PDB file of N, CA and C in Angstrom:
ATOM      1  N   MET A   1     111.272 127.094 117.248  1.00  0.00           N
ATOM      2  CA  MET A   1     111.432 125.660 117.111  1.00  0.00           C
ATOM      3  C   MET A   1     112.391 125.175 118.200  1.00  0.00           C
ATOM      4  N   LYS A   2     111.983 124.169 118.900  1.00  0.00           N
ATOM      5  CA  LYS A   2     112.806 123.622 119.974  1.00  0.00           C
ATOM      6  C   LYS A   2     113.731 122.544 119.421  1.00  0.00           C
ATOM      7  N   TYR A   3     114.776 122.266 120.194  1.00  0.00           N
ATOM      8  CA  TYR A   3     115.747 121.217 119.854  1.00  0.00           C
ATOM      9  C   TYR A   3     115.021 119.918 119.525  1.00  0.00           C
ATOM     10  N   ARG A   4     114.044 119.559 120.349  1.00  0.00           N
ATOM     11  CA  ARG A   4     113.308 118.312 120.148  1.00  0.00           C
ATOM     12  C   ARG A   4     112.533 118.346 118.826  1.00  0.00           C
ATOM     13  N   ASP A   5     112.089 119.521 118.404  1.00  0.00           N
ATOM     14  CA  ASP A   5     111.381 119.633 117.132  1.00  0.00           C
ATOM     15  C   ASP A   5     112.277 119.243 115.961  1.00  0.00           C
ATOM     16  N   PHE A   6     113.556 119.616 116.038  1.00  0.00           N
ATOM     17  CA  PHE A   6     114.494 119.240 114.983  1.00  0.00           C
ATOM     18  C   PHE A   6     114.671 117.728 114.950  1.00  0.00           C
ATOM     19  N   LEU A   7     114.761 117.125 116.129  1.00  0.00           N
ATOM     20  CA  LEU A   7     114.879 115.666 116.196  1.00  0.00           C
ATOM     21  C   LEU A   7     113.638 115.012 115.596  1.00  0.00           C
ATOM     22  N   THR A   8     112.472 115.540 115.938  1.00  0.00           N
ATOM     23  CA  THR A   8     111.217 114.992 115.426  1.00  0.00           C
ATOM     24  C   THR A   8     111.169 115.067 113.910  1.00  0.00           C
ATOM     25  N   LEU A   9     111.541 116.206 113.341  1.00  0.00           N
ATOM     26  CA  LEU A   9     111.551 116.339 111.879  1.00  0.00           C
ATOM     27  C   LEU A   9     112.491 115.330 111.246  1.00  0.00           C
ATOM     28  N   HIS A  10     113.647 115.150 111.846  1.00  0.00           N
ATOM     29  CA  HIS A  10     114.622 114.205 111.309  1.00  0.00           C
ATOM     30  C   HIS A  10     114.075 112.778 111.368  1.00  0.00           C
ATOM     31  N   VAL A  11     113.457 112.425 112.488  1.00  0.00           N
ATOM     32  CA  VAL A  11     112.867 111.090 112.625  1.00  0.00           C
ATOM     33  C   VAL A  11     111.766 110.890 111.591  1.00  0.00           C
ATOM     34  N   LEU A  12     110.857 111.846 111.476  1.00  0.00           N
ATOM     35  CA  LEU A  12     109.761 111.713 110.518  1.00  0.00           C
ATOM     36  C   LEU A  12     110.284 111.604 109.089  1.00  0.00           C
ATOM     37  N   HIS A  13     111.308 112.368 108.772  1.00  0.00           N
ATOM     38  CA  HIS A  13     111.911 112.321 107.432  1.00  0.00           C
ATOM     39  C   HIS A  13     112.384 110.899 107.105  1.00  0.00           C
ATOM     40  N   HIS A  14     113.117 110.302 108.007  1.00  0.00           N
ATOM     41  CA  HIS A  14     113.652 108.960 107.744  1.00  0.00           C
ATOM     42  C   HIS A  14     112.600 107.868 107.870  1.00  0.00           C
ATOM     43  N   ALA A  15     111.552 108.118 108.645  1.00  0.00           N
ATOM     44  CA  ALA A  15     110.527 107.093 108.867  1.00  0.00           C
ATOM     45  C   ALA A  15     109.709 106.804 107.614  1.00  0.00           C
ATOM     46  N   ARG A  16     109.878 107.608 106.584  1.00  0.00           N
ATOM     47  CA  ARG A  16     109.195 107.298 105.319  1.00  0.00           C
ATOM     48  C   ARG A  16     109.687 105.968 104.775  1.00  0.00           C
ATOM     49  N   GLU A  17     110.920 105.604 105.120  1.00  0.00           N
ATOM     50  CA  GLU A  17     111.512 104.356 104.627  1.00  0.00           C
ATOM     51  C   GLU A  17     111.457 103.235 105.658  1.00  0.00           C
ATOM     52  N   GLY A  18     111.061 103.528 106.881  1.00  0.00           N
ATOM     53  CA  GLY A  18     111.063 102.539 107.959  1.00  0.00           C
ATOM     54  C   GLY A  18     112.372 102.603 108.718  1.00  0.00           C
ATOM     55  N   ILE A  19     112.296 102.808 110.016  1.00  0.00           N
ATOM     56  CA  ILE A  19     113.493 102.989 110.834  1.00  0.00           C
ATOM     57  C   ILE A  19     113.404 102.159 112.114  1.00  0.00           C
ATOM     58  N   THR A  20     114.555 101.966 112.720  1.00  0.00           N
ATOM     59  CA  THR A  20     114.626 101.405 114.065  1.00  0.00           C
ATOM     60  C   THR A  20     115.247 102.464 114.966  1.00  0.00           C
ATOM     61  N   GLY A  21     115.104 102.281 116.248  1.00  0.00           N
ATOM     62  CA  GLY A  21     115.715 103.219 117.189  1.00  0.00           C
ATOM     63  C   GLY A  21     117.218 103.262 117.040  1.00  0.00           C
ATOM     64  N   SER A  22     117.842 102.102 116.861  1.00  0.00           N
ATOM     65  CA  SER A  22     119.301 102.086 116.731  1.00  0.00           C
ATOM     66  C   SER A  22     119.753 102.795 115.456  1.00  0.00           C
ATOM     67  N   PHE A  23     118.997 102.634 114.368  1.00  0.00           N
ATOM     68  CA  PHE A  23     119.334 103.362 113.141  1.00  0.00           C
ATOM     69  C   PHE A  23     119.298 104.857 113.397  1.00  0.00           C
ATOM     70  N   MET A  24     118.235 105.322 114.073  1.00  0.00           N
ATOM     71  CA  MET A  24     118.100 106.766 114.304  1.00  0.00           C
ATOM     72  C   MET A  24     119.197 107.297 115.214  1.00  0.00           C
ATOM     73  N   MET A  25     119.622 106.524 116.191  1.00  0.00           N
ATOM     74  CA  MET A  25     120.730 106.985 117.043  1.00  0.00           C
ATOM     75  C   MET A  25     121.992 107.169 116.205  1.00  0.00           C
ATOM     76  N   LYS A  26     122.260 106.230 115.309  1.00  0.00           N
ATOM     77  CA  LYS A  26     123.440 106.330 114.434  1.00  0.00           C
ATOM     78  C   LYS A  26     123.292 107.495 113.456  1.00  0.00           C
ATOM     79  N   GLU A  27     122.125 107.614 112.848  1.00  0.00           N
ATOM     80  CA  GLU A  27     121.895 108.676 111.871  1.00  0.00           C
ATOM     81  C   GLU A  27     122.024 110.050 112.518  1.00  0.00           C
ATOM     82  N   LEU A  28     121.396 110.233 113.657  1.00  0.00           N
ATOM     83  CA  LEU A  28     121.489 111.525 114.352  1.00  0.00           C
ATOM     84  C   LEU A  28     122.916 111.765 114.848  1.00  0.00           C
ATOM     85  N   GLY A  29     123.617 110.702 115.209  1.00  0.00           N
ATOM     86  CA  GLY A  29     125.020 110.823 115.603  1.00  0.00           C
ATOM     87  C   GLY A  29     125.884 111.372 114.478  1.00  0.00           C
ATOM     88  N   ARG A  30     125.547 111.008 113.236  1.00  0.00           N
ATOM     89  CA  ARG A  30     126.292 111.546 112.084  1.00  0.00           C
ATOM     90  C   ARG A  30     126.149 113.050 111.980  1.00  0.00           C
ATOM     91  N   HIS A  31     125.083 113.587 112.566  1.00  0.00           N
ATOM     92  CA  HIS A  31     124.819 115.024 112.512  1.00  0.00           C
ATOM     93  C   HIS A  31     125.204 115.728 113.816  1.00  0.00           C
ATOM     94  N   GLY A  32     125.941 115.019 114.666  1.00  0.00           N
ATOM     95  CA  GLY A  32     126.443 115.635 115.887  1.00  0.00           C
ATOM     96  C   GLY A  32     125.574 115.484 117.116  1.00  0.00           C
ATOM     97  N   TYR A  33     124.424 114.821 116.994  1.00  0.00           N
ATOM     98  CA  TYR A  33     123.566 114.584 118.155  1.00  0.00           C
ATOM     99  C   TYR A  33     124.056 113.328 118.865  1.00  0.00           C
ATOM    100  N   LYS A  34     124.213 113.410 120.168  1.00  0.00           N
ATOM    101  CA  LYS A  34     124.615 112.240 120.946  1.00  0.00           C
ATOM    102  C   LYS A  34     123.414 111.821 121.791  1.00  0.00           C
ATOM    103  N   LEU A  35     122.673 110.855 121.272  1.00  0.00           N
ATOM    104  CA  LEU A  35     121.450 110.417 121.933  1.00  0.00           C
ATOM    105  C   LEU A  35     121.616 109.016 122.495  1.00  0.00           C
ATOM    106  N   SER A  36     121.029 108.805 123.639  1.00  0.00           N
ATOM    107  CA  SER A  36     121.032 107.482 124.257  1.00  0.00           C
ATOM    108  C   SER A  36     119.696 106.804 123.958  1.00  0.00           C
ATOM    109  N   PRO A  37     119.616 105.499 124.198  1.00  0.00           N
ATOM    110  CA  PRO A  37     118.325 104.831 124.046  1.00  0.00           C
ATOM    111  C   PRO A  37     117.251 105.471 124.938  1.00  0.00           C
ATOM    112  N   GLY A  38     117.660 106.015 126.067  1.00  0.00           N
ATOM    113  CA  GLY A  38     116.725 106.669 126.975  1.00  0.00           C
ATOM    114  C   GLY A  38     116.146 107.961 126.427  1.00  0.00           C
ATOM    115  N   THR A  39     116.707 108.446 125.329  1.00  0.00           N
ATOM    116  CA  THR A  39     116.183 109.642 124.669  1.00  0.00           C
ATOM    117  C   THR A  39     115.400 109.272 123.412  1.00  0.00           C
ATOM    118  N   ILE A  40     115.976 108.415 122.573  1.00  0.00           N
ATOM    119  CA  ILE A  40     115.347 108.135 121.279  1.00  0.00           C
ATOM    120  C   ILE A  40     114.086 107.297 121.403  1.00  0.00           C
ATOM    121  N   TYR A  41     114.108 106.278 122.266  1.00  0.00           N
ATOM    122  CA  TYR A  41     112.931 105.409 122.341  1.00  0.00           C
ATOM    123  C   TYR A  41     111.706 106.123 122.929  1.00  0.00           C
ATOM    124  N   PRO A  42     111.847 106.937 123.972  1.00  0.00           N
ATOM    125  CA  PRO A  42     110.672 107.709 124.408  1.00  0.00           C
ATOM    126  C   PRO A  42     110.142 108.640 123.317  1.00  0.00           C
ATOM    127  N   LEU A  43     111.044 109.220 122.515  1.00  0.00           N
ATOM    128  CA  LEU A  43     110.599 110.077 121.414  1.00  0.00           C
ATOM    129  C   LEU A  43     109.813 109.260 120.395  1.00  0.00           C
ATOM    130  N   LEU A  44     110.321 108.094 120.010  1.00  0.00           N
ATOM    131  CA  LEU A  44     109.615 107.239 119.053  1.00  0.00           C
ATOM    132  C   LEU A  44     108.247 106.828 119.598  1.00  0.00           C
ATOM    133  N   HIS A  45     108.207 106.447 120.882  1.00  0.00           N
ATOM    134  CA  HIS A  45     106.937 106.040 121.498  1.00  0.00           C
ATOM    135  C   HIS A  45     105.951 107.204 121.540  1.00  0.00           C
ATOM    136  N   GLU A  46     106.455 108.397 121.841  1.00  0.00           N
ATOM    137  CA  GLU A  46     105.597 109.593 121.875  1.00  0.00           C
ATOM    138  C   GLU A  46     105.015 109.884 120.493  1.00  0.00           C
ATOM    139  N   LEU A  47     105.854 109.794 119.460  1.00  0.00           N
ATOM    140  CA  LEU A  47     105.384 110.049 118.094  1.00  0.00           C
ATOM    141  C   LEU A  47     104.371 108.995 117.657  1.00  0.00           C
ATOM    142  N   GLU A  48     104.567 107.773 118.115  1.00  0.00           N
ATOM    143  CA  GLU A  48     103.605 106.712 117.804  1.00  0.00           C
ATOM    144  C   GLU A  48     102.287 106.976 118.542  1.00  0.00           C
ATOM    145  N   LYS A  49     102.373 107.373 119.788  1.00  0.00           N
ATOM    146  CA  LYS A  49     101.175 107.666 120.583  1.00  0.00           C
ATOM    147  C   LYS A  49     100.372 108.818 119.967  1.00  0.00           C
ATOM    148  N   LYS A  50     101.072 109.795 119.382  1.00  0.00           N
ATOM    149  CA  LYS A  50     100.421 110.934 118.735  1.00  0.00           C
ATOM    150  C   LYS A  50      99.882 110.589 117.351  1.00  0.00           C
ATOM    151  N   GLY A  51     100.160 109.376 116.874  1.00  0.00           N
ATOM    152  CA  GLY A  51      99.659 108.958 115.569  1.00  0.00           C
ATOM    153  C   GLY A  51     100.527 109.382 114.407  1.00  0.00           C
ATOM    154  N   LEU A  52     101.750 109.850 114.687  1.00  0.00           N
ATOM    155  CA  LEU A  52     102.649 110.290 113.615  1.00  0.00           C
ATOM    156  C   LEU A  52     103.500 109.143 113.074  1.00  0.00           C
ATOM    157  N   LEU A  53     103.681 108.111 113.885  1.00  0.00           N
ATOM    158  CA  LEU A  53     104.408 106.906 113.489  1.00  0.00           C
ATOM    159  C   LEU A  53     103.551 105.699 113.822  1.00  0.00           C
ATOM    160  N   GLU A  54     103.819 104.609 113.126  1.00  0.00           N
ATOM    161  CA  GLU A  54     103.247 103.314 113.501  1.00  0.00           C
ATOM    162  C   GLU A  54     104.390 102.313 113.503  1.00  0.00           C
ATOM    163  N   SER A  55     104.234 101.233 114.243  1.00  0.00           N
ATOM    164  CA  SER A  55     105.338 100.281 114.353  1.00  0.00           C
ATOM    165  C   SER A  55     104.869  98.862 114.086  1.00  0.00           C
ATOM    166  N   ARG A  56     105.838  98.055 113.746  1.00  0.00           N
ATOM    167  CA  ARG A  56     105.616  96.619 113.572  1.00  0.00           C
ATOM    168  C   ARG A  56     106.900  95.920 114.005  1.00  0.00           C
ATOM    169  N   GLU A  57     106.777  94.679 114.398  1.00  0.00           N
ATOM    170  CA  GLU A  57     107.964  93.918 114.777  1.00  0.00           C
ATOM    171  C   GLU A  57     108.437  93.093 113.595  1.00  0.00           C
ATOM    172  N   GLU A  58     109.761  93.023 113.444  1.00  0.00           N
ATOM    173  CA  GLU A  58     110.392  92.214 112.402  1.00  0.00           C
ATOM    174  C   GLU A  58     111.547  91.456 113.030  1.00  0.00           C
ATOM    175  N   ILE A  59     111.960  90.410 112.355  1.00  0.00           N
ATOM    176  CA  ILE A  59     113.166  89.682 112.752  1.00  0.00           C
ATOM    177  C   ILE A  59     114.260  90.088 111.771  1.00  0.00           C
ATOM    178  N   ARG A  60     115.340  90.660 112.318  1.00  0.00           N
ATOM    179  CA  ARG A  60     116.491  91.062 111.500  1.00  0.00           C
ATOM    180  C   ARG A  60     117.745  90.494 112.133  1.00  0.00           C
ATOM    181  N   ASN A  61     118.508  89.772 111.352  1.00  0.00           N
ATOM    182  CA  ASN A  61     119.735  89.142 111.848  1.00  0.00           C
ATOM    183  C   ASN A  61     119.456  88.311 113.100  1.00  0.00           C
ATOM    184  N   GLY A  62     118.320  87.623 113.084  1.00  0.00           N
ATOM    185  CA  GLY A  62     117.962  86.758 114.198  1.00  0.00           C
ATOM    186  C   GLY A  62     117.450  87.478 115.435  1.00  0.00           C
ATOM    187  N   ARG A  63     117.289  88.791 115.344  1.00  0.00           N
ATOM    188  CA  ARG A  63     116.815  89.574 116.488  1.00  0.00           C
ATOM    189  C   ARG A  63     115.478  90.212 116.147  1.00  0.00           C
ATOM    190  N   ARG A  64     114.630  90.286 117.165  1.00  0.00           N
ATOM    191  CA  ARG A  64     113.339  90.959 117.007  1.00  0.00           C
ATOM    192  C   ARG A  64     113.573  92.457 117.165  1.00  0.00           C
ATOM    193  N   VAL A  65     113.144  93.231 116.175  1.00  0.00           N
ATOM    194  CA  VAL A  65     113.287  94.688 116.224  1.00  0.00           C
ATOM    195  C   VAL A  65     111.941  95.334 115.925  1.00  0.00           C
ATOM    196  N   LYS A  66     111.775  96.535 116.430  1.00  0.00           N
ATOM    197  CA  LYS A  66     110.574  97.313 116.146  1.00  0.00           C
ATOM    198  C   LYS A  66     110.929  98.291 115.040  1.00  0.00           C
ATOM    199  N   VAL A  67     110.153  98.275 113.977  1.00  0.00           N
ATOM    200  CA  VAL A  67     110.366  99.155 112.828  1.00  0.00           C
ATOM    201  C   VAL A  67     109.237 100.179 112.816  1.00  0.00           C
ATOM    202  N   TYR A  68     109.627 101.446 112.743  1.00  0.00           N
ATOM    203  CA  TYR A  68     108.678 102.551 112.753  1.00  0.00           C
ATOM    204  C   TYR A  68     108.561 103.130 111.353  1.00  0.00           C
ATOM    205  N   THR A  69     107.322 103.393 110.939  1.00  0.00           N
ATOM    206  CA  THR A  69     107.082 104.058 109.662  1.00  0.00           C
ATOM    207  C   THR A  69     106.139 105.234 109.891  1.00  0.00           C
ATOM    208  N   ILE A  70     106.230 106.190 109.001  1.00  0.00           N
ATOM    209  CA  ILE A  70     105.428 107.409 109.128  1.00  0.00           C
ATOM    210  C   ILE A  70     103.986 107.137 108.705  1.00  0.00           C
ATOM    211  N   THR A  71     103.056 107.801 109.350  1.00  0.00           N
ATOM    212  CA  THR A  71     101.638 107.709 109.005  1.00  0.00           C
ATOM    213  C   THR A  71     101.260 108.911 108.131  1.00  0.00           C
ATOM    214  N   ASP A  72     100.021 108.917 107.662  1.00  0.00           N
ATOM    215  CA  ASP A  72      99.550 110.076 106.901  1.00  0.00           C
ATOM    216  C   ASP A  72      99.603 111.345 107.758  1.00  0.00           C
ATOM    217  N   ALA A  73      99.228 111.222 109.031  1.00  0.00           N
ATOM    218  CA  ALA A  73      99.304 112.378 109.940  1.00  0.00           C
ATOM    219  C   ALA A  73     100.755 112.809 110.121  1.00  0.00           C
ATOM    220  N   GLY A  74     101.666 111.842 110.150  1.00  0.00           N
ATOM    221  CA  GLY A  74     103.086 112.159 110.263  1.00  0.00           C
ATOM    222  C   GLY A  74     103.603 112.882 109.034  1.00  0.00           C
ATOM    223  N   LEU A  75     103.132 112.472 107.861  1.00  0.00           N
ATOM    224  CA  LEU A  75     103.531 113.153 106.621  1.00  0.00           C
ATOM    225  C   LEU A  75     103.051 114.604 106.625  1.00  0.00           C
ATOM    226  N   THR A  76     101.844 114.814 107.109  1.00  0.00           N
ATOM    227  CA  THR A  76     101.312 116.180 107.197  1.00  0.00           C
ATOM    228  C   THR A  76     102.159 117.004 108.165  1.00  0.00           C
ATOM    229  N   ALA A  77     102.469 116.429 109.323  1.00  0.00           N
ATOM    230  CA  ALA A  77     103.293 117.130 110.320  1.00  0.00           C
ATOM    231  C   ALA A  77     104.683 117.419 109.763  1.00  0.00           C
ATOM    232  N   LEU A  78     105.240 116.480 109.012  1.00  0.00           N
ATOM    233  CA  LEU A  78     106.562 116.677 108.411  1.00  0.00           C
ATOM    234  C   LEU A  78     106.535 117.844 107.431  1.00  0.00           C
ATOM    235  N   GLU A  79     105.536 117.883 106.576  1.00  0.00           N
ATOM    236  CA  GLU A  79     105.446 118.973 105.595  1.00  0.00           C
ATOM    237  C   GLU A  79     105.252 120.319 106.284  1.00  0.00           C
ATOM    238  N   GLU A  80     104.417 120.365 107.322  1.00  0.00           N
ATOM    239  CA  GLU A  80     104.220 121.614 108.069  1.00  0.00           C
ATOM    240  C   GLU A  80     105.517 122.036 108.756  1.00  0.00           C
ATOM    241  N   GLY A  81     106.230 121.079 109.335  1.00  0.00           N
ATOM    242  CA  GLY A  81     107.495 121.381 109.995  1.00  0.00           C
ATOM    243  C   GLY A  81     108.551 121.861 109.013  1.00  0.00           C
ATOM    244  N   LYS A  82     108.591 121.257 107.835  1.00  0.00           N
ATOM    245  CA  LYS A  82     109.550 121.683 106.813  1.00  0.00           C
ATOM    246  C   LYS A  82     109.273 123.117 106.383  1.00  0.00           C
ATOM    247  N   GLU A  83     108.001 123.467 106.266  1.00  0.00           N
ATOM    248  CA  GLU A  83     107.652 124.837 105.868  1.00  0.00           C
ATOM    249  C   GLU A  83     108.083 125.831 106.942  1.00  0.00           C
ATOM    250  N   LYS A  84     107.851 125.505 108.201  1.00  0.00           N
ATOM    251  CA  LYS A  84     108.270 126.389 109.294  1.00  0.00           C
ATOM    252  C   LYS A  84     109.792 126.503 109.341  1.00  0.00           C
ATOM    253  N   LEU A  85     110.469 125.389 109.114  1.00  0.00           N
ATOM    254  CA  LEU A  85     111.931 125.405 109.095  1.00  0.00           C
ATOM    255  C   LEU A  85     112.446 126.246 107.934  1.00  0.00           C
ATOM    256  N   ARG A  86     111.798 126.120 106.771  1.00  0.00           N
ATOM    257  CA  ARG A  86     112.181 126.905 105.587  1.00  0.00           C
ATOM    258  C   ARG A  86     112.046 128.404 105.877  1.00  0.00           C
ATOM    259  N   GLU A  87     110.922 128.798 106.480  1.00  0.00           N
ATOM    260  CA  GLU A  87     110.705 130.201 106.835  1.00  0.00           C
ATOM    261  C   GLU A  87     111.761 130.694 107.817  1.00  0.00           C
ATOM    262  N   LEU A  88     112.077 129.874 108.816  1.00  0.00           N
ATOM    263  CA  LEU A  88     113.083 130.251 109.800  1.00  0.00           C
ATOM    264  C   LEU A  88     114.451 130.419 109.145  1.00  0.00           C
ATOM    265  N   CYS A  89     114.822 129.486 108.288  1.00  0.00           N
ATOM    266  CA  CYS A  89     116.129 129.557 107.603  1.00  0.00           C
ATOM    267  C   CYS A  89     116.206 130.789 106.714  1.00  0.00           C
ATOM    268  N   GLU A  90     115.135 131.100 106.000  1.00  0.00           N
ATOM    269  CA  GLU A  90     115.123 132.277 105.141  1.00  0.00           C
ATOM    270  C   GLU A  90     115.297 133.550 105.964  1.00  0.00           C
ATOM    271  N   GLU A  91     114.642 133.594 107.109  1.00  0.00           N
ATOM    272  CA  GLU A  91     114.767 134.777 107.968  1.00  0.00           C
ATOM    273  C   GLU A  91     116.168 134.880 108.570  1.00  0.00           C
ATOM    274  N   LEU A  92     116.677 133.764 109.074  1.00  0.00           N
ATOM    275  CA  LEU A  92     117.980 133.790 109.733  1.00  0.00           C
ATOM    276  C   LEU A  92     119.137 133.998 108.750  1.00  0.00           C
ATOM    277  N   LEU A  93     119.012 133.368 107.595  1.00  0.00           N
ATOM    278  CA  LEU A  93     120.105 133.400 106.623  1.00  0.00           C
ATOM    279  C   LEU A  93     119.908 134.456 105.552  1.00  0.00           C
ATOM    280  N   GLY A  94     118.762 135.091 105.545  1.00  0.00           N
ATOM    281  CA  GLY A  94     118.504 136.173 104.600  1.00  0.00           C
ATOM    282  C   GLY A  94     118.416 135.741 103.161  1.00  0.00           C
ATOM    283  N   GLU A  95     117.959 134.522 102.946  1.00  0.00           N
ATOM    284  CA  GLU A  95     117.843 134.014 101.560  1.00  0.00           C
ATOM    285  C   GLU A  95     116.420 134.042 101.108  1.00  0.00           C
TER     286      GLU A  95
END
């Protein structure tokens, strides 16, 4: 699993509730990732292009924002990724 795969799983996990790029930068920052807009937005666009996320525009606090939500394909990818992560953790941690 690559570093970017962990980011993708985290994004897909939160996208079940609807996310913005700025939310994800803050959320990932809480976990020690220091991401710039130049990193998170290309990732979101890539996931949308692959059909794992879909987006819509909303007005929040007087500003237009893009909100990303997970698709059915994204849910499938999330579950597959969680299973691979579970297997890796069991092997590494011996649980």
